[in-house]
Amino acid sequence: MISYRHRGCCQNTTAGLVLPLALSAAFVILLGSTSLHSLALLSRSRTRISTAERMRVDQLRSAAQHFAQLATDSHACLLTWPSSSWNDLGFQCADADPGRLQQGTIGEDVWSLIDWVPSGDTGRLRLRLDAGARAAFLLALDPDGPVVREVGPMRPLVTVEQVRP
């Protein structure tokens, strides 16, 4: 016959192995779910950043298109001169208002002209949004007259915030 003391010894040994095994399994599951949660948060953060960047690019492109729309009729005369000399043109572009091409609004966003530099049948347009985003565009001009035919691809400009560490 097996003694009571001997039977208790065997039961305690088996029970002592199950608890550490269960805790280890629970820790592995917790660690895995934490990793998956971290990956999901990282993916969501990247999606937000990507969406914000696409919106900024779209706003800058819209601002360039708006500049091209404003540079018509009497204001098209200004396209033959650099923006730095627009205020000094006097009688050469008498009906043009340089201020109209120096700032505009797209939806709730305000854009402002950094500079316009013509070069033959093209010109470089640099714009800034109030939020700080800046970009340059190459505009194709009509050779028969100073009218914008096409707004080229955007070239982002480095902002002050991006240069600082």
N, C-alpha and C. Protein backbone atom coordinates (compact mmCIF):
# COMPACT_ATOMS: atom_id res chain seq x y z
N MET A 1 0.82 -1.17 0.00
CA MET A 1 0.00 0.00 0.00
C MET A 1 0.88 1.26 0.00
N ILE A 2 0.44 2.33 -0.76
CA ILE A 2 1.22 3.56 -0.89
C ILE A 2 0.85 4.49 0.26
N SER A 3 1.84 5.05 0.84
CA SER A 3 1.59 5.93 2.00
C SER A 3 1.06 7.28 1.52
N TYR A 4 0.44 7.99 2.44
CA TYR A 4 -0.13 9.30 2.15
C TYR A 4 0.96 10.30 1.79
N ARG A 5 2.09 10.16 2.46
CA ARG A 5 3.19 11.06 2.21
C ARG A 5 3.77 10.85 0.83
N HIS A 6 3.84 9.65 0.39
CA HIS A 6 4.39 9.34 -0.93
C HIS A 6 3.45 9.82 -2.04
N ARG A 7 2.12 9.66 -1.87
CA ARG A 7 1.15 10.12 -2.85
C ARG A 7 1.17 11.65 -2.97
N GLY A 8 1.28 12.40 -1.96
CA GLY A 8 1.33 13.86 -1.96
C GLY A 8 2.59 14.38 -2.66
N CYS A 9 3.65 13.67 -2.58
CA CYS A 9 4.90 14.08 -3.20
C CYS A 9 4.78 14.06 -4.72
N CYS A 10 4.15 13.03 -5.26
CA CYS A 10 4.00 12.93 -6.71
C CYS A 10 3.05 13.99 -7.25
N GLN A 11 1.98 14.28 -6.53
CA GLN A 11 1.00 15.26 -7.01
C GLN A 11 1.60 16.67 -7.00
N ASN A 12 2.39 17.02 -6.03
CA ASN A 12 2.99 18.35 -5.98
C ASN A 12 4.00 18.56 -7.11
N THR A 13 4.70 17.54 -7.53
CA THR A 13 5.68 17.66 -8.59
C THR A 13 4.98 17.95 -9.92
N THR A 14 3.86 17.29 -10.21
CA THR A 14 3.13 17.51 -11.45
C THR A 14 2.48 18.89 -11.45
N ALA A 15 1.89 19.29 -10.35
CA ALA A 15 1.24 20.60 -10.26
C ALA A 15 2.26 21.72 -10.38
N GLY A 16 3.44 21.54 -9.96
CA GLY A 16 4.47 22.56 -10.02
C GLY A 16 4.98 22.82 -11.43
N LEU A 17 4.78 21.94 -12.36
CA LEU A 17 5.23 22.13 -13.73
C LEU A 17 4.19 22.84 -14.60
N VAL A 18 2.93 22.70 -14.28
CA VAL A 18 1.86 23.26 -15.11
C VAL A 18 1.81 24.79 -14.99
N LEU A 19 1.96 25.32 -13.79
CA LEU A 19 1.86 26.77 -13.59
C LEU A 19 2.95 27.53 -14.35
N PRO A 20 4.22 27.20 -14.26
CA PRO A 20 5.22 27.93 -15.04
C PRO A 20 5.00 27.79 -16.55
N LEU A 21 4.55 26.61 -16.98
CA LEU A 21 4.27 26.42 -18.40
C LEU A 21 3.12 27.31 -18.86
N ALA A 22 2.06 27.43 -18.07
CA ALA A 22 0.92 28.29 -18.40
C ALA A 22 1.33 29.76 -18.40
N LEU A 23 2.13 30.18 -17.44
CA LEU A 23 2.60 31.56 -17.40
C LEU A 23 3.48 31.89 -18.60
N SER A 24 4.34 30.96 -18.97
CA SER A 24 5.20 31.18 -20.14
C SER A 24 4.37 31.31 -21.42
N ALA A 25 3.38 30.45 -21.57
CA ALA A 25 2.52 30.52 -22.75
C ALA A 25 1.74 31.83 -22.77
N ALA A 26 1.23 32.27 -21.63
CA ALA A 26 0.49 33.53 -21.56
C ALA A 26 1.42 34.70 -21.90
N PHE A 27 2.67 34.66 -21.43
CA PHE A 27 3.63 35.72 -21.74
C PHE A 27 3.93 35.78 -23.23
N VAL A 28 4.09 34.64 -23.88
CA VAL A 28 4.36 34.59 -25.32
C VAL A 28 3.18 35.16 -26.10
N ILE A 29 1.97 34.81 -25.71
CA ILE A 29 0.77 35.33 -26.38
C ILE A 29 0.66 36.84 -26.17
N LEU A 30 0.92 37.32 -24.95
CA LEU A 30 0.88 38.76 -24.67
C LEU A 30 1.93 39.52 -25.48
N LEU A 31 3.12 38.96 -25.56
CA LEU A 31 4.19 39.59 -26.33
C LEU A 31 3.84 39.64 -27.82
N GLY A 32 3.27 38.58 -28.34
CA GLY A 32 2.86 38.56 -29.75
C GLY A 32 1.77 39.56 -30.05
N SER A 33 0.79 39.67 -29.18
CA SER A 33 -0.30 40.63 -29.42
C SER A 33 0.21 42.07 -29.28
N THR A 34 1.16 42.31 -28.38
CA THR A 34 1.75 43.64 -28.26
C THR A 34 2.52 44.00 -29.52
N SER A 35 3.24 43.06 -30.08
CA SER A 35 3.97 43.31 -31.33
C SER A 35 3.02 43.62 -32.48
N LEU A 36 1.94 42.87 -32.59
CA LEU A 36 0.96 43.12 -33.64
C LEU A 36 0.30 44.49 -33.46
N HIS A 37 0.03 44.85 -32.22
CA HIS A 37 -0.56 46.16 -31.95
C HIS A 37 0.41 47.28 -32.34
N SER A 38 1.68 47.12 -32.03
CA SER A 38 2.70 48.11 -32.39
C SER A 38 2.80 48.26 -33.91
N LEU A 39 2.78 47.14 -34.62
CA LEU A 39 2.83 47.20 -36.08
C LEU A 39 1.61 47.90 -36.66
N ALA A 40 0.45 47.66 -36.09
CA ALA A 40 -0.77 48.32 -36.56
C ALA A 40 -0.69 49.83 -36.32
N LEU A 41 -0.18 50.24 -35.17
CA LEU A 41 -0.04 51.67 -34.89
C LEU A 41 0.98 52.32 -35.83
N LEU A 42 2.06 51.63 -36.11
CA LEU A 42 3.07 52.15 -37.03
C LEU A 42 2.50 52.30 -38.43
N SER A 43 1.75 51.31 -38.87
CA SER A 43 1.12 51.38 -40.19
C SER A 43 0.14 52.54 -40.26
N ARG A 44 -0.63 52.74 -39.23
CA ARG A 44 -1.59 53.84 -39.20
C ARG A 44 -0.87 55.19 -39.24
N SER A 45 0.22 55.30 -38.51
CA SER A 45 1.01 56.52 -38.50
C SER A 45 1.59 56.81 -39.88
N ARG A 46 2.11 55.81 -40.55
CA ARG A 46 2.65 55.99 -41.90
C ARG A 46 1.56 56.40 -42.88
N THR A 47 0.38 55.83 -42.73
CA THR A 47 -0.74 56.19 -43.60
C THR A 47 -1.12 57.66 -43.41
N ARG A 48 -1.15 58.12 -42.17
CA ARG A 48 -1.46 59.52 -41.90
C ARG A 48 -0.42 60.45 -42.51
N ILE A 49 0.84 60.11 -42.35
CA ILE A 49 1.92 60.93 -42.90
C ILE A 49 1.83 60.96 -44.42
N SER A 50 1.58 59.82 -45.03
CA SER A 50 1.47 59.74 -46.48
C SER A 50 0.28 60.56 -46.98
N THR A 51 -0.84 60.47 -46.29
CA THR A 51 -2.02 61.23 -46.67
C THR A 51 -1.77 62.73 -46.54
N ALA A 52 -1.12 63.14 -45.47
CA ALA A 52 -0.81 64.56 -45.27
C ALA A 52 0.13 65.06 -46.36
N GLU A 53 1.11 64.25 -46.75
CA GLU A 53 2.04 64.65 -47.80
C GLU A 53 1.33 64.77 -49.15
N ARG A 54 0.45 63.83 -49.45
CA ARG A 54 -0.31 63.92 -50.71
C ARG A 54 -1.20 65.16 -50.73
N MET A 55 -1.79 65.50 -49.60
CA MET A 55 -2.63 66.69 -49.53
C MET A 55 -1.79 67.95 -49.74
N ARG A 56 -0.60 67.99 -49.14
CA ARG A 56 0.29 69.14 -49.30
C ARG A 56 0.72 69.29 -50.75
N VAL A 57 1.06 68.18 -51.41
CA VAL A 57 1.43 68.21 -52.83
C VAL A 57 0.25 68.70 -53.66
N ASP A 58 -0.94 68.22 -53.36
CA ASP A 58 -2.14 68.63 -54.09
C ASP A 58 -2.41 70.12 -53.89
N GLN A 59 -2.22 70.63 -52.68
CA GLN A 59 -2.43 72.05 -52.41
C GLN A 59 -1.43 72.90 -53.19
N LEU A 60 -0.17 72.49 -53.21
CA LEU A 60 0.84 73.24 -53.96
C LEU A 60 0.54 73.22 -55.45
N ARG A 61 0.16 72.08 -55.97
CA ARG A 61 -0.18 71.97 -57.39
C ARG A 61 -1.39 72.85 -57.72
N SER A 62 -2.38 72.84 -56.84
CA SER A 62 -3.56 73.70 -57.04
C SER A 62 -3.17 75.17 -57.02
N ALA A 63 -2.24 75.53 -56.15
CA ALA A 63 -1.78 76.92 -56.09
C ALA A 63 -1.09 77.32 -57.40
N ALA A 64 -0.28 76.42 -57.96
CA ALA A 64 0.38 76.70 -59.24
C ALA A 64 -0.65 76.84 -60.36
N GLN A 65 -1.66 75.99 -60.35
CA GLN A 65 -2.73 76.10 -61.35
C GLN A 65 -3.50 77.41 -61.19
N HIS A 66 -3.71 77.80 -59.95
CA HIS A 66 -4.41 79.06 -59.68
C HIS A 66 -3.59 80.24 -60.19
N PHE A 67 -2.28 80.21 -59.97
CA PHE A 67 -1.40 81.26 -60.52
C PHE A 67 -1.54 81.32 -62.03
N ALA A 68 -1.53 80.16 -62.68
CA ALA A 68 -1.65 80.12 -64.15
C ALA A 68 -2.99 80.69 -64.61
N GLN A 69 -4.06 80.43 -63.86
CA GLN A 69 -5.37 80.98 -64.20
C GLN A 69 -5.42 82.48 -64.03
N LEU A 70 -4.75 82.99 -63.01
CA LEU A 70 -4.74 84.43 -62.76
C LEU A 70 -3.87 85.18 -63.78
N ALA A 71 -2.89 84.50 -64.33
CA ALA A 71 -1.95 85.14 -65.27
C ALA A 71 -2.52 85.15 -66.69
N THR A 72 -3.70 85.68 -66.83
CA THR A 72 -4.35 85.79 -68.15
C THR A 72 -4.71 87.24 -68.41
N ASP A 73 -5.18 87.50 -69.60
CA ASP A 73 -5.61 88.83 -70.02
C ASP A 73 -4.51 89.86 -69.78
N SER A 74 -4.82 90.93 -69.08
CA SER A 74 -3.83 91.99 -68.88
C SER A 74 -2.69 91.56 -67.95
N HIS A 75 -2.92 90.56 -67.11
CA HIS A 75 -1.89 90.10 -66.19
C HIS A 75 -0.86 89.19 -66.88
N ALA A 76 -1.18 88.70 -68.06
CA ALA A 76 -0.24 87.84 -68.79
C ALA A 76 1.01 88.60 -69.18
N CYS A 77 0.91 89.90 -69.31
CA CYS A 77 2.06 90.73 -69.63
C CYS A 77 3.18 90.56 -68.59
N LEU A 78 2.81 90.33 -67.35
CA LEU A 78 3.80 90.19 -66.28
C LEU A 78 4.67 88.94 -66.44
N LEU A 79 4.17 87.94 -67.16
CA LEU A 79 4.92 86.69 -67.32
C LEU A 79 6.21 86.86 -68.11
N THR A 80 6.35 87.92 -68.84
CA THR A 80 7.58 88.15 -69.62
C THR A 80 8.68 88.77 -68.78
N TRP A 81 8.36 89.15 -67.55
CA TRP A 81 9.32 89.80 -66.66
C TRP A 81 9.48 89.00 -65.37
N PRO A 82 10.65 89.06 -64.74
CA PRO A 82 10.81 88.42 -63.42
C PRO A 82 9.93 89.13 -62.39
N SER A 83 9.46 88.40 -61.42
CA SER A 83 8.58 88.99 -60.41
C SER A 83 9.27 90.09 -59.60
N SER A 84 10.58 90.05 -59.53
CA SER A 84 11.30 91.09 -58.78
C SER A 84 11.17 92.47 -59.44
N SER A 85 10.83 92.54 -60.72
CA SER A 85 10.70 93.83 -61.41
C SER A 85 9.25 94.20 -61.74
N TRP A 86 8.27 93.43 -61.27
CA TRP A 86 6.87 93.71 -61.60
C TRP A 86 6.42 95.08 -61.14
N ASN A 87 6.84 95.51 -59.98
CA ASN A 87 6.37 96.80 -59.46
C ASN A 87 7.00 97.99 -60.19
N ASP A 88 8.07 97.77 -60.93
CA ASP A 88 8.76 98.85 -61.63
C ASP A 88 8.43 98.93 -63.11
N LEU A 89 7.46 98.15 -63.59
CA LEU A 89 7.19 98.10 -65.03
C LEU A 89 6.50 99.35 -65.56
N GLY A 90 5.70 100.00 -64.76
CA GLY A 90 5.04 101.23 -65.17
C GLY A 90 4.13 101.04 -66.37
N PHE A 91 4.42 101.73 -67.47
CA PHE A 91 3.56 101.74 -68.65
C PHE A 91 3.62 100.44 -69.47
N GLN A 92 4.64 99.61 -69.28
CA GLN A 92 4.77 98.39 -70.08
C GLN A 92 3.65 97.39 -69.80
N CYS A 93 3.19 97.32 -68.57
CA CYS A 93 2.05 96.46 -68.20
C CYS A 93 1.10 97.30 -67.34
N ALA A 94 0.63 98.39 -67.92
CA ALA A 94 -0.15 99.38 -67.17
C ALA A 94 -1.43 98.82 -66.57
N ASP A 95 -2.09 97.92 -67.26
CA ASP A 95 -3.38 97.39 -66.77
C ASP A 95 -3.21 96.22 -65.80
N ALA A 96 -1.99 95.76 -65.62
CA ALA A 96 -1.75 94.59 -64.77
C ALA A 96 -1.57 95.01 -63.31
N ASP A 97 -2.09 94.16 -62.42
CA ASP A 97 -1.93 94.38 -60.98
C ASP A 97 -1.01 93.27 -60.46
N PRO A 98 0.27 93.56 -60.17
CA PRO A 98 1.19 92.53 -59.71
C PRO A 98 0.73 91.83 -58.43
N GLY A 99 0.02 92.54 -57.59
CA GLY A 99 -0.46 91.95 -56.34
C GLY A 99 -1.38 90.77 -56.55
N ARG A 100 -2.08 90.77 -57.66
CA ARG A 100 -3.02 89.68 -57.97
C ARG A 100 -2.28 88.36 -58.19
N LEU A 101 -1.05 88.43 -58.72
CA LEU A 101 -0.27 87.22 -58.97
C LEU A 101 0.68 86.88 -57.82
N GLN A 102 0.70 87.68 -56.78
CA GLN A 102 1.63 87.44 -55.68
C GLN A 102 1.01 86.69 -54.52
N GLN A 103 -0.31 86.57 -54.51
CA GLN A 103 -0.97 85.85 -53.43
C GLN A 103 -2.35 85.41 -53.88
N GLY A 104 -2.80 84.28 -53.36
CA GLY A 104 -4.12 83.77 -53.71
C GLY A 104 -4.62 82.80 -52.67
N THR A 105 -5.83 82.34 -52.87
CA THR A 105 -6.46 81.41 -51.95
C THR A 105 -7.01 80.21 -52.71
N ILE A 106 -6.71 79.04 -52.21
CA ILE A 106 -7.26 77.79 -52.72
C ILE A 106 -8.01 77.15 -51.56
N GLY A 107 -9.32 77.16 -51.61
CA GLY A 107 -10.11 76.64 -50.48
C GLY A 107 -9.82 77.48 -49.25
N GLU A 108 -9.29 76.85 -48.23
CA GLU A 108 -8.92 77.55 -46.99
C GLU A 108 -7.44 77.88 -46.95
N ASP A 109 -6.68 77.44 -47.95
CA ASP A 109 -5.24 77.63 -47.96
C ASP A 109 -4.85 78.90 -48.71
N VAL A 110 -3.94 79.64 -48.13
CA VAL A 110 -3.42 80.85 -48.76
C VAL A 110 -2.03 80.54 -49.28
N TRP A 111 -1.79 80.90 -50.53
CA TRP A 111 -0.46 80.72 -51.12
C TRP A 111 0.12 82.08 -51.43
N SER A 112 1.44 82.13 -51.47
CA SER A 112 2.10 83.37 -51.85
C SER A 112 3.26 83.06 -52.79
N LEU A 113 3.54 84.00 -53.65
CA LEU A 113 4.60 83.86 -54.65
C LEU A 113 5.95 84.11 -53.99
N ILE A 114 6.86 83.18 -54.18
CA ILE A 114 8.25 83.41 -53.76
C ILE A 114 8.94 84.17 -54.88
N ASP A 115 8.88 83.62 -56.08
CA ASP A 115 9.38 84.35 -57.24
C ASP A 115 8.94 83.68 -58.54
N TRP A 116 9.02 84.47 -59.59
CA TRP A 116 8.74 84.03 -60.96
C TRP A 116 9.93 84.46 -61.81
N VAL A 117 10.55 83.48 -62.49
CA VAL A 117 11.71 83.77 -63.33
C VAL A 117 11.44 83.20 -64.72
N PRO A 118 11.16 84.09 -65.71
CA PRO A 118 10.92 83.60 -67.07
C PRO A 118 12.24 83.29 -67.78
N SER A 119 12.16 82.34 -68.71
CA SER A 119 13.34 81.98 -69.50
C SER A 119 12.86 81.49 -70.86
N GLY A 120 12.68 82.41 -71.79
CA GLY A 120 12.21 82.04 -73.13
C GLY A 120 10.77 81.57 -73.10
N ASP A 121 10.56 80.32 -73.54
CA ASP A 121 9.19 79.79 -73.57
C ASP A 121 8.85 78.98 -72.32
N THR A 122 9.64 79.13 -71.27
CA THR A 122 9.34 78.50 -69.98
C THR A 122 9.57 79.53 -68.87
N GLY A 123 9.25 79.13 -67.69
CA GLY A 123 9.50 79.97 -66.52
C GLY A 123 9.46 79.13 -65.27
N ARG A 124 10.22 79.55 -64.25
CA ARG A 124 10.23 78.83 -62.97
C ARG A 124 9.37 79.60 -61.98
N LEU A 125 8.38 78.92 -61.44
CA LEU A 125 7.46 79.47 -60.47
C LEU A 125 7.76 78.84 -59.12
N ARG A 126 8.00 79.66 -58.11
CA ARG A 126 8.19 79.14 -56.75
C ARG A 126 7.12 79.73 -55.85
N LEU A 127 6.41 78.83 -55.15
CA LEU A 127 5.29 79.20 -54.30
C LEU A 127 5.49 78.71 -52.88
N ARG A 128 4.76 79.34 -51.96
CA ARG A 128 4.78 78.96 -50.54
C ARG A 128 3.35 78.94 -50.03
N LEU A 129 3.01 77.92 -49.26
CA LEU A 129 1.72 77.89 -48.56
C LEU A 129 1.91 78.49 -47.18
N ASP A 130 0.83 79.01 -46.59
CA ASP A 130 0.93 79.57 -45.24
C ASP A 130 1.38 78.53 -44.22
N ALA A 131 1.09 77.26 -44.48
CA ALA A 131 1.51 76.19 -43.56
C ALA A 131 3.01 75.94 -43.62
N GLY A 132 3.71 76.53 -44.60
CA GLY A 132 5.16 76.39 -44.67
C GLY A 132 5.66 75.58 -45.84
N ALA A 133 4.81 74.82 -46.48
CA ALA A 133 5.24 74.00 -47.62
C ALA A 133 5.62 74.92 -48.78
N ARG A 134 6.69 74.54 -49.48
CA ARG A 134 7.16 75.33 -50.62
C ARG A 134 7.50 74.40 -51.76
N ALA A 135 7.34 74.91 -52.99
CA ALA A 135 7.65 74.07 -54.15
C ALA A 135 7.95 74.97 -55.35
N ALA A 136 8.61 74.36 -56.32
CA ALA A 136 8.91 75.04 -57.59
C ALA A 136 8.24 74.26 -58.71
N PHE A 137 7.81 75.00 -59.72
CA PHE A 137 7.17 74.40 -60.90
C PHE A 137 7.79 75.03 -62.13
N LEU A 138 7.91 74.22 -63.17
CA LEU A 138 8.34 74.74 -64.47
C LEU A 138 7.08 74.93 -65.31
N LEU A 139 6.82 76.16 -65.71
CA LEU A 139 5.63 76.47 -66.50
C LEU A 139 6.03 76.65 -67.95
N ALA A 140 5.30 76.00 -68.83
CA ALA A 140 5.51 76.16 -70.28
C ALA A 140 4.64 77.31 -70.76
N LEU A 141 5.27 78.25 -71.45
CA LEU A 141 4.56 79.41 -71.97
C LEU A 141 4.30 79.25 -73.47
N ASP A 142 3.23 79.84 -73.92
CA ASP A 142 2.89 79.82 -75.34
C ASP A 142 3.85 80.74 -76.09
N PRO A 143 4.52 80.26 -77.13
CA PRO A 143 5.47 81.11 -77.86
C PRO A 143 4.81 82.28 -78.59
N ASP A 144 3.52 82.20 -78.85
CA ASP A 144 2.81 83.28 -79.54
C ASP A 144 2.43 84.42 -78.61
N GLY A 145 2.47 84.20 -77.34
CA GLY A 145 2.10 85.24 -76.39
C GLY A 145 2.32 84.75 -74.98
N PRO A 146 2.42 85.64 -74.03
CA PRO A 146 2.70 85.23 -72.66
C PRO A 146 1.47 84.62 -71.98
N VAL A 147 1.21 83.36 -72.29
CA VAL A 147 0.11 82.62 -71.68
C VAL A 147 0.65 81.27 -71.24
N VAL A 148 0.26 80.84 -70.05
CA VAL A 148 0.72 79.55 -69.53
C VAL A 148 0.00 78.43 -70.28
N ARG A 149 0.78 77.55 -70.91
CA ARG A 149 0.20 76.39 -71.59
C ARG A 149 0.12 75.19 -70.67
N GLU A 150 1.12 75.02 -69.82
CA GLU A 150 1.19 73.82 -69.00
C GLU A 150 1.95 74.09 -67.71
N VAL A 151 1.47 73.49 -66.62
CA VAL A 151 2.18 73.53 -65.35
C VAL A 151 2.92 72.20 -65.23
N GLY A 152 4.22 72.27 -65.16
CA GLY A 152 5.04 71.06 -65.11
C GLY A 152 5.04 70.39 -63.74
N PRO A 153 5.87 69.36 -63.59
CA PRO A 153 5.92 68.63 -62.33
C PRO A 153 6.46 69.49 -61.19
N MET A 154 6.06 69.12 -59.99
CA MET A 154 6.47 69.86 -58.80
C MET A 154 7.84 69.41 -58.34
N ARG A 155 8.63 70.38 -57.91
CA ARG A 155 9.91 70.11 -57.28
C ARG A 155 9.86 70.69 -55.87
N PRO A 156 9.82 69.84 -54.83
CA PRO A 156 9.72 70.37 -53.46
C PRO A 156 10.97 71.17 -53.10
N LEU A 157 10.76 72.21 -52.33
CA LEU A 157 11.85 73.01 -51.82
C LEU A 157 12.01 72.69 -50.34
N VAL A 158 13.22 72.70 -49.85
CA VAL A 158 13.48 72.40 -48.44
C VAL A 158 12.99 73.58 -47.60
N THR A 159 12.23 73.28 -46.56
CA THR A 159 11.75 74.34 -45.66
C THR A 159 12.72 74.48 -44.51
N VAL A 160 12.63 75.59 -43.80
CA VAL A 160 13.51 75.86 -42.68
C VAL A 160 13.37 74.78 -41.61
N GLU A 161 12.14 74.31 -41.37
CA GLU A 161 11.90 73.29 -40.35
C GLU A 161 12.61 71.99 -40.69
N GLN A 162 12.75 71.66 -41.97
CA GLN A 162 13.41 70.41 -42.37
C GLN A 162 14.91 70.48 -42.22
N VAL A 163 15.49 71.68 -42.26
CA VAL A 163 16.94 71.82 -42.17
C VAL A 163 17.40 71.72 -40.73
N ARG A 164 16.63 72.25 -39.81
CA ARG A 164 17.01 72.23 -38.39
C ARG A 164 16.95 70.81 -37.85
N PRO A 165 17.88 70.46 -36.94
CA PRO A 165 17.87 69.11 -36.34
C PRO A 165 16.76 68.94 -35.34
